[in-house]
Amino acid sequence: MARRDSLTWFVLGIAQIMIGEAILEAGTTEILGRVIQGTGSGTIALGLYFLLFLARNESEFKELYSKAEKTVLVSDPVTGKKQLVDNSSRPIKAVWYTIPVGMAFLGLISLLLNG
């Protein structure tokens, strides 16, 4: 949960910084561009929070949080208790990580080259 969600925050933060930079280059009000860049930095900070804090405490959140649309209800043969199990294949899970990581990487490269 925490790793995938933090990637989304990183991508959104980079996009906000790039939008703020485009606003500054377009000659619009400087305050608006700086505010959007500042909120983009805050969004990246949220991504770091999700990555570090929630990943460290993921065992506590694992029982409370489930993306039910990606799980199947399975009965444990030994205990008979029902469990939600993620039945996604490894390639699908890899895509869910690869696309946001790639987008964040390309966004950071673009910021470094244009900034």
Protein backbone atom coordinates (compact mmCIF):
# COMPACT_ATOMS: atom_id res chain seq x y z
CA MET A 1 0.00 0.00 0.00
CA ALA A 2 2.51 2.60 1.15
CA ARG A 3 4.99 2.15 -1.66
CA ARG A 4 2.45 2.39 -4.49
CA ASP A 5 0.64 5.33 -2.94
CA SER A 6 3.86 7.22 -2.27
CA LEU A 7 4.81 6.87 -5.95
CA THR A 8 1.54 8.56 -6.87
CA TRP A 9 2.32 11.46 -4.52
CA PHE A 10 5.80 11.81 -6.04
CA VAL A 11 4.40 11.95 -9.58
CA LEU A 12 1.77 14.51 -8.56
CA GLY A 13 4.35 16.66 -6.77
CA ILE A 14 6.70 16.65 -9.75
CA ALA A 15 3.80 17.59 -12.03
CA GLN A 16 2.89 20.50 -9.76
CA ILE A 17 6.47 21.78 -9.77
CA MET A 18 6.58 21.52 -13.56
CA ILE A 19 3.26 23.39 -13.88
CA GLY A 20 4.55 26.11 -11.56
CA GLU A 21 7.71 26.39 -13.64
CA ALA A 22 5.64 26.69 -16.84
CA ILE A 23 3.55 29.43 -15.25
CA LEU A 24 6.70 31.34 -14.29
CA GLU A 25 8.13 31.00 -17.81
CA ALA A 26 4.84 32.13 -19.39
CA GLY A 27 5.10 35.48 -17.64
CA THR A 28 1.97 35.08 -15.51
CA THR A 29 2.00 36.28 -11.91
CA GLU A 30 5.08 35.12 -10.09
CA ILE A 31 3.17 34.53 -6.86
CA LEU A 32 0.89 31.95 -8.48
CA GLY A 33 3.84 30.04 -9.94
CA ARG A 34 5.71 30.04 -6.63
CA VAL A 35 2.61 28.89 -4.71
CA ILE A 36 2.05 25.98 -7.10
CA GLN A 37 5.72 25.01 -6.87
CA GLY A 38 5.52 25.21 -3.07
CA THR A 39 2.49 22.97 -2.93
CA GLY A 40 4.28 20.57 -5.28
CA SER A 41 7.15 20.39 -2.80
CA GLY A 42 4.61 19.69 -0.05
CA THR A 43 3.10 16.92 -2.15
CA ILE A 44 6.54 15.33 -2.54
CA ALA A 45 6.95 15.59 1.25
CA LEU A 46 3.68 13.67 1.62
CA GLY A 47 5.10 11.01 -0.68
CA LEU A 48 8.15 10.72 1.57
CA TYR A 49 5.86 10.46 4.59
CA PHE A 50 3.89 7.61 3.01
CA LEU A 51 7.09 5.89 1.90
CA LEU A 52 8.93 6.10 5.22
CA PHE A 53 6.33 6.14 7.99
CA LEU A 54 3.66 3.90 6.54
CA ALA A 55 6.15 1.43 5.07
CA ARG A 56 7.82 1.14 8.46
CA ASN A 57 4.45 0.56 10.18
CA GLU A 58 2.80 -1.38 7.36
CA SER A 59 2.09 -4.39 9.56
CA GLU A 60 -0.26 -2.26 11.69
CA PHE A 61 -2.13 -0.93 8.65
CA LYS A 62 -2.22 -4.25 6.77
CA GLU A 63 -5.15 -5.56 8.81
CA LEU A 64 -7.13 -2.33 8.49
CA TYR A 65 -6.56 -1.51 4.83
CA SER A 66 -7.43 -3.67 1.86
CA LYS A 67 -8.04 -2.85 -1.75
CA ALA A 68 -10.96 -5.24 -2.02
CA GLU A 69 -11.31 -4.86 -5.78
CA LYS A 70 -7.97 -6.67 -6.22
CA THR A 71 -8.56 -9.44 -3.70
CA VAL A 72 -10.39 -12.75 -3.52
CA LEU A 73 -12.07 -14.18 -0.42
CA VAL A 74 -10.44 -17.55 0.31
CA SER A 75 -11.14 -19.99 3.11
CA ASP A 76 -8.04 -21.25 4.94
CA PRO A 77 -8.11 -25.09 4.80
CA VAL A 78 -6.51 -25.50 8.23
CA THR A 79 -8.43 -23.02 10.35
CA GLY A 80 -11.50 -22.43 8.19
CA LYS A 81 -11.11 -18.66 8.58
CA LYS A 82 -11.82 -16.54 5.55
CA GLN A 83 -9.05 -14.28 4.24
CA LEU A 84 -8.74 -11.67 1.53
CA VAL A 85 -5.91 -12.69 -0.81
CA ASP A 86 -4.46 -10.63 -3.66
CA ASN A 87 -4.70 -12.79 -6.78
CA SER A 88 -2.89 -10.40 -9.15
CA SER A 89 -0.13 -11.95 -11.23
CA ARG A 90 3.47 -10.81 -10.86
CA PRO A 91 3.54 -9.01 -14.24
CA ILE A 92 0.48 -6.97 -13.23
CA LYS A 93 2.06 -6.07 -9.90
CA ALA A 94 5.28 -5.12 -11.73
CA VAL A 95 3.35 -2.79 -14.05
CA TRP A 96 1.74 -1.05 -11.06
CA TYR A 97 5.23 -0.17 -9.82
CA THR A 98 7.03 0.36 -13.14
CA ILE A 99 4.73 3.00 -14.64
CA PRO A 100 4.76 5.44 -11.66
CA VAL A 101 8.51 4.95 -11.12
CA GLY A 102 9.14 5.63 -14.80
CA MET A 103 6.94 8.72 -14.77
CA ALA A 104 8.62 10.07 -11.64
CA PHE A 105 12.06 9.40 -13.13
CA LEU A 106 11.21 11.14 -16.42
CA GLY A 107 9.70 14.09 -14.54
CA LEU A 108 12.80 14.49 -12.38
CA ILE A 109 15.08 14.30 -15.42
CA SER A 110 12.95 16.95 -17.14
CA LEU A 111 13.15 19.20 -14.07
CA LEU A 112 16.92 18.80 -13.89
CA LEU A 113 17.43 19.52 -17.58
CA ASN A 114 15.08 22.52 -17.70
CA GLY A 115 15.72 23.93 -14.25
